[in-house]
Amino acid sequence: MAKIVFIGDLLTLQPFLALGQDVRQAANTDEARQIVARLDPDAYALVVFTPGTAAARDALRGPASLVLPGFGERETDQARLVAEAVRKATGRAE
């Protein structure tokens, strides 16, 4: 069954991780390109990038892709609280 994979910074993708989606952490475009190079194109129907990794779309061959809308500067107190709550809920130490 084809799946969706999310590639980008962990703070932006925390909600998808909490929902059990396939999330691959990439801090920049180069890391995202490395992840894309290792993806099995037959395993995924959609690849979703964060704005900071969107330039890696050019390395993608196969599945459809889209870029999540930007949220500007996400490192706010509220974002940190949400990230901490998701970490506690999922049991992840990241």
Foldseek 3Di string as FASTA:
>chain_A
DAFEEEEEDCLVCLVVVLVVHHYDYDDAQVRVLVVQVPDDLVRHQEYEYEPRNVVSVVSHDHHHYDYDDDDPDQPDPVSVVVNVVSCVSVVHPD
